[in-house]
Structures are given as C-alpha cells and as structure tokens.
C-alpha cells in the first residue's frame, strides 16, 4: 500500500515547490518587465534602496537618470526601480479636521 502512495507524495511535493517557490518569482519578473517597458520620463519612482525621485532620462543599456533634488541627477540601473508612485495621490487630509 505504501508503495502506491510514494508517487502521489512525490507529485504533491513537486507541485508544492512549484506553487510556493517558482510561481511567485515568475509573477514578480513579469511585473518588473511591465514596469520597465512602461516607465517614461517624468514618472516618480522609488528604488529598492528607498530613494525617491523623478525619472529625467531613459538611457540605453538598462540605465536611467533619476532626479533626486533640483539639479541633482543620479544614474541607476533600471532593475533598481522597485515601484512607480501613483500620479493621482490624494491630497494630505491632516489639516482638515
């Protein structure tokens, strides 16, 4: 009886590895490819290091110039961009009480 269950256990184990390990990684990679393909000058982004800035220029070779302050641009890798900030962020409601 246990000889018949071993292949079932192996199939369950392989499926678990796929859905826990590989599937989320593929999903994240697709999200990063979509972000990289739609990123344009003027987009406000956050890097993986926590730097906030505005994309000032997209360069060849997977790099971009990020404006972090007035007249201060840094060159970063496109893969260092963690996410794009929403452009329609709600206004600060701390004064309205």
N, C-alpha and C. Protein backbone atom coordinates (compact mmCIF):
# COMPACT_ATOMS: atom_id res chain seq x y z
N UNK A 1 0.83 -1.20 0.00
CA UNK A 1 0.00 0.00 0.00
C UNK A 1 0.87 1.26 0.00
N UNK A 2 1.94 1.28 0.82
CA UNK A 2 2.79 2.47 0.88
C UNK A 2 3.57 2.67 -0.42
N UNK A 3 3.81 1.58 -1.16
CA UNK A 3 4.48 1.70 -2.46
C UNK A 3 3.63 2.43 -3.47
N UNK A 4 2.33 2.38 -3.32
CA UNK A 4 1.44 3.09 -4.23
C UNK A 4 1.32 4.57 -3.87
N UNK A 5 1.55 4.91 -2.61
CA UNK A 5 1.42 6.29 -2.17
C UNK A 5 2.66 7.13 -2.44
N UNK A 6 3.81 6.48 -2.61
CA UNK A 6 5.05 7.23 -2.83
C UNK A 6 4.99 8.12 -4.08
N UNK A 7 4.52 7.65 -5.23
CA UNK A 7 4.43 8.55 -6.39
C UNK A 7 3.47 9.72 -6.15
N UNK A 8 2.42 9.48 -5.40
CA UNK A 8 1.47 10.56 -5.09
C UNK A 8 2.15 11.60 -4.21
N UNK A 9 2.93 11.17 -3.22
CA UNK A 9 3.66 12.09 -2.36
C UNK A 9 4.67 12.91 -3.15
N UNK A 10 5.34 12.27 -4.08
CA UNK A 10 6.32 12.98 -4.91
C UNK A 10 5.64 14.04 -5.77
N UNK A 11 4.51 13.70 -6.37
CA UNK A 11 3.77 14.66 -7.20
C UNK A 11 3.29 15.83 -6.35
N UNK A 12 2.79 15.55 -5.17
CA UNK A 12 2.33 16.63 -4.28
C UNK A 12 3.49 17.51 -3.88
N UNK A 13 4.65 16.93 -3.59
CA UNK A 13 5.82 17.70 -3.19
C UNK A 13 6.30 18.60 -4.33
N UNK A 14 6.35 18.07 -5.54
CA UNK A 14 6.78 18.87 -6.70
C UNK A 14 5.79 20.01 -6.96
N UNK A 15 4.51 19.74 -6.84
CA UNK A 15 3.50 20.79 -7.04
C UNK A 15 3.63 21.86 -5.97
N UNK A 16 3.91 21.47 -4.74
CA UNK A 16 4.09 22.43 -3.65
C UNK A 16 5.30 23.33 -3.90
N UNK A 17 6.39 22.74 -4.33
CA UNK A 17 7.59 23.52 -4.66
C UNK A 17 7.28 24.52 -5.77
N UNK A 18 6.55 24.08 -6.78
CA UNK A 18 6.21 24.97 -7.90
C UNK A 18 5.36 26.15 -7.44
N UNK A 19 4.30 25.89 -6.69
CA UNK A 19 3.38 26.96 -6.32
C UNK A 19 3.93 27.86 -5.22
N UNK A 20 4.83 27.37 -4.40
CA UNK A 20 5.40 28.19 -3.33
C UNK A 20 6.67 28.90 -3.78
N UNK A 21 7.47 28.25 -4.59
CA UNK A 21 8.76 28.81 -4.96
C UNK A 21 8.84 29.45 -6.32
N UNK A 22 8.39 28.77 -7.33
CA UNK A 22 8.61 29.24 -8.69
C UNK A 22 7.54 30.18 -9.19
N UNK A 23 6.31 29.95 -8.88
CA UNK A 23 5.20 30.76 -9.40
C UNK A 23 5.28 32.22 -8.96
N UNK A 24 5.51 32.51 -7.68
CA UNK A 24 5.62 33.93 -7.28
C UNK A 24 6.80 34.64 -7.94
N UNK A 25 7.89 33.91 -8.16
CA UNK A 25 9.05 34.50 -8.81
C UNK A 25 8.73 34.88 -10.25
N UNK A 26 8.02 34.02 -10.96
CA UNK A 26 7.64 34.32 -12.34
C UNK A 26 6.69 35.52 -12.39
N UNK A 27 5.78 35.59 -11.44
CA UNK A 27 4.83 36.70 -11.39
C UNK A 27 5.56 38.03 -11.15
N UNK A 28 6.51 38.03 -10.22
CA UNK A 28 7.28 39.24 -9.92
C UNK A 28 8.12 39.67 -11.12
N UNK A 29 8.70 38.69 -11.85
CA UNK A 29 9.50 39.02 -13.02
C UNK A 29 8.64 39.67 -14.10
N UNK A 30 7.41 39.17 -14.31
CA UNK A 30 6.50 39.76 -15.29
C UNK A 30 6.11 41.18 -14.89
N UNK A 31 5.88 41.40 -13.59
CA UNK A 31 5.55 42.74 -13.12
C UNK A 31 6.71 43.70 -13.36
N UNK A 32 7.95 43.25 -13.13
CA UNK A 32 9.12 44.10 -13.35
C UNK A 32 9.31 44.41 -14.83
N UNK A 33 9.06 43.43 -15.70
CA UNK A 33 9.16 43.67 -17.14
C UNK A 33 8.12 44.68 -17.60
N UNK A 34 6.91 44.59 -17.06
CA UNK A 34 5.86 45.55 -17.39
C UNK A 34 6.24 46.95 -16.91
N UNK A 35 6.77 47.05 -15.70
CA UNK A 35 7.19 48.35 -15.17
C UNK A 35 8.29 48.94 -16.03
N UNK A 36 9.26 48.13 -16.40
CA UNK A 36 10.38 48.61 -17.20
C UNK A 36 9.93 49.06 -18.58
N UNK A 37 8.96 48.38 -19.15
CA UNK A 37 8.53 48.74 -20.51
C UNK A 37 7.63 49.98 -20.51
N UNK A 38 6.97 50.28 -19.41
CA UNK A 38 6.06 51.43 -19.38
C UNK A 38 6.65 52.65 -18.68
N UNK A 39 7.86 52.53 -18.15
CA UNK A 39 8.49 53.64 -17.46
C UNK A 39 8.89 54.73 -18.46
N UNK A 40 8.63 55.98 -18.12
CA UNK A 40 8.94 57.09 -19.03
C UNK A 40 9.46 58.27 -18.22
N UNK A 41 10.01 59.24 -18.92
CA UNK A 41 10.50 60.45 -18.27
C UNK A 41 9.34 61.16 -17.58
N UNK A 42 9.60 61.64 -16.38
CA UNK A 42 8.58 62.34 -15.62
C UNK A 42 7.87 61.46 -14.60
N UNK A 43 8.09 60.15 -14.64
CA UNK A 43 7.47 59.25 -13.67
C UNK A 43 8.20 59.33 -12.34
N UNK A 44 7.45 59.39 -11.26
CA UNK A 44 8.04 59.38 -9.92
C UNK A 44 8.16 57.93 -9.47
N UNK A 45 9.36 57.54 -9.03
CA UNK A 45 9.63 56.16 -8.68
C UNK A 45 10.33 56.08 -7.32
N UNK A 46 10.34 54.87 -6.78
CA UNK A 46 11.10 54.54 -5.59
C UNK A 46 12.04 53.41 -5.95
N UNK A 47 13.31 53.51 -5.57
CA UNK A 47 14.26 52.46 -5.86
C UNK A 47 14.24 51.41 -4.75
N UNK A 48 14.92 50.31 -5.00
CA UNK A 48 15.00 49.26 -3.99
C UNK A 48 15.76 49.74 -2.76
N UNK A 49 16.58 50.75 -2.90
CA UNK A 49 17.31 51.31 -1.77
C UNK A 49 16.53 52.36 -1.01
N UNK A 50 15.32 52.69 -1.48
CA UNK A 50 14.47 53.65 -0.79
C UNK A 50 14.63 55.08 -1.27
N UNK A 51 15.31 55.29 -2.38
CA UNK A 51 15.50 56.64 -2.92
C UNK A 51 14.28 57.02 -3.74
N UNK A 52 13.71 58.17 -3.43
CA UNK A 52 12.57 58.70 -4.19
C UNK A 52 13.11 59.69 -5.21
N UNK A 53 12.55 59.65 -6.41
CA UNK A 53 12.99 60.58 -7.42
C UNK A 53 12.08 60.55 -8.63
N UNK A 54 12.42 61.41 -9.58
CA UNK A 54 11.67 61.52 -10.83
C UNK A 54 12.60 61.12 -11.97
N UNK A 55 12.12 60.26 -12.85
CA UNK A 55 12.92 59.83 -14.00
C UNK A 55 13.10 61.02 -14.92
N UNK A 56 14.37 61.38 -15.15
CA UNK A 56 14.62 62.52 -16.03
C UNK A 56 15.03 62.08 -17.43
N UNK A 57 15.63 60.89 -17.54
CA UNK A 57 16.04 60.42 -18.86
C UNK A 57 16.23 58.90 -18.83
N UNK A 58 15.73 58.23 -19.86
CA UNK A 58 15.95 56.80 -20.03
C UNK A 58 17.15 56.63 -20.95
N UNK A 59 18.14 55.87 -20.51
CA UNK A 59 19.35 55.67 -21.30
C UNK A 59 19.39 54.26 -21.85
N UNK A 60 20.24 54.05 -22.86
CA UNK A 60 20.44 52.72 -23.40
C UNK A 60 21.23 51.88 -22.40
N UNK A 61 21.09 50.58 -22.51
CA UNK A 61 21.85 49.69 -21.65
C UNK A 61 21.20 49.42 -20.31
N UNK A 62 19.95 49.78 -20.15
CA UNK A 62 19.25 49.46 -18.91
C UNK A 62 19.53 50.41 -17.77
N UNK A 63 19.90 51.65 -18.07
CA UNK A 63 20.12 52.63 -17.02
C UNK A 63 19.20 53.82 -17.24
N UNK A 64 19.02 54.59 -16.18
CA UNK A 64 18.22 55.81 -16.29
C UNK A 64 18.78 56.86 -15.35
N UNK A 65 18.47 58.11 -15.65
CA UNK A 65 18.85 59.21 -14.78
C UNK A 65 17.66 59.54 -13.90
N UNK A 66 17.91 59.62 -12.61
CA UNK A 66 16.87 59.87 -11.63
C UNK A 66 17.16 61.19 -10.94
N UNK A 67 16.23 62.13 -11.05
CA UNK A 67 16.40 63.42 -10.39
C UNK A 67 15.91 63.30 -8.95
N UNK A 68 16.84 63.45 -8.00
CA UNK A 68 16.50 63.29 -6.58
C UNK A 68 16.34 64.64 -5.88
N UNK A 69 16.88 65.69 -6.47
CA UNK A 69 16.72 67.05 -5.97
C UNK A 69 16.92 67.97 -7.17
N UNK A 70 16.67 69.25 -6.95
CA UNK A 70 16.84 70.20 -8.05
C UNK A 70 18.29 70.21 -8.50
N UNK A 71 18.51 69.98 -9.79
CA UNK A 71 19.83 69.92 -10.41
C UNK A 71 20.71 68.80 -9.86
N UNK A 72 20.12 67.75 -9.30
CA UNK A 72 20.89 66.60 -8.82
C UNK A 72 20.30 65.34 -9.46
N UNK A 73 21.05 64.76 -10.39
CA UNK A 73 20.64 63.53 -11.06
C UNK A 73 21.61 62.41 -10.69
N UNK A 74 21.08 61.22 -10.49
CA UNK A 74 21.92 60.06 -10.27
C UNK A 74 21.60 59.03 -11.34
N UNK A 75 22.60 58.25 -11.70
CA UNK A 75 22.42 57.22 -12.71
C UNK A 75 22.21 55.90 -11.97
N UNK A 76 21.10 55.23 -12.25
CA UNK A 76 20.81 53.95 -11.60
C UNK A 76 20.45 52.92 -12.66
N UNK A 77 20.51 51.68 -12.26
CA UNK A 77 20.11 50.59 -13.13
C UNK A 77 18.58 50.51 -13.15
N UNK A 78 18.05 50.14 -14.27
CA UNK A 78 16.61 50.01 -14.41
C UNK A 78 16.06 48.94 -13.46
N UNK A 79 16.85 47.93 -13.18
CA UNK A 79 16.41 46.86 -12.27
C UNK A 79 16.36 47.32 -10.82
N UNK A 80 16.92 48.49 -10.51
CA UNK A 80 16.89 49.01 -9.14
C UNK A 80 15.58 49.73 -8.83
N UNK A 81 14.74 49.95 -9.82
CA UNK A 81 13.45 50.60 -9.60
C UNK A 81 12.50 49.58 -8.97
N UNK A 82 12.00 49.90 -7.78
CA UNK A 82 11.10 48.99 -7.07
C UNK A 82 9.66 49.19 -7.51
N UNK A 83 9.23 50.45 -7.59
CA UNK A 83 7.85 50.70 -7.99
C UNK A 83 7.68 52.15 -8.42
N UNK A 84 6.58 52.38 -9.13
CA UNK A 84 6.21 53.72 -9.58
C UNK A 84 5.21 54.28 -8.59
N UNK A 85 5.38 55.54 -8.24
CA UNK A 85 4.45 56.19 -7.33
C UNK A 85 3.19 56.57 -8.11
N UNK A 86 2.03 56.43 -7.49
CA UNK A 86 0.79 56.81 -8.20
C UNK A 86 0.76 58.31 -8.46
N UNK A 87 0.28 58.66 -9.65
CA UNK A 87 0.25 60.07 -10.03
C UNK A 87 -0.96 60.79 -9.45
N UNK A 88 -2.00 60.04 -9.12
CA UNK A 88 -3.20 60.65 -8.59
C UNK A 88 -3.31 60.44 -7.08
N UNK A 89 -2.21 60.70 -6.38
CA UNK A 89 -2.20 60.53 -4.93
C UNK A 89 -3.16 61.53 -4.28
N UNK A 90 -3.94 61.09 -3.30
CA UNK A 90 -4.89 62.01 -2.66
C UNK A 90 -4.15 63.09 -1.88
N UNK A 91 -4.77 64.24 -1.79
CA UNK A 91 -4.18 65.35 -1.06
C UNK A 91 -4.11 65.02 0.43
N UNK A 92 -3.16 65.64 1.12
CA UNK A 92 -2.98 65.40 2.55
C UNK A 92 -4.18 65.95 3.31
N UNK A 93 -4.83 65.11 4.08
CA UNK A 93 -6.04 65.48 4.80
C UNK A 93 -5.76 65.82 6.27
N UNK A 94 -4.48 66.04 6.64
CA UNK A 94 -4.16 66.27 8.05
C UNK A 94 -4.66 67.63 8.54
N UNK A 95 -4.81 68.62 7.65
CA UNK A 95 -5.28 69.94 8.07
C UNK A 95 -6.79 70.00 8.21
N UNK A 96 -7.48 69.14 7.49
CA UNK A 96 -8.94 69.16 7.54
C UNK A 96 -9.44 68.37 8.75
N UNK A 97 -9.91 69.10 9.74
CA UNK A 97 -10.42 68.40 10.95
C UNK A 97 -11.65 69.07 11.46
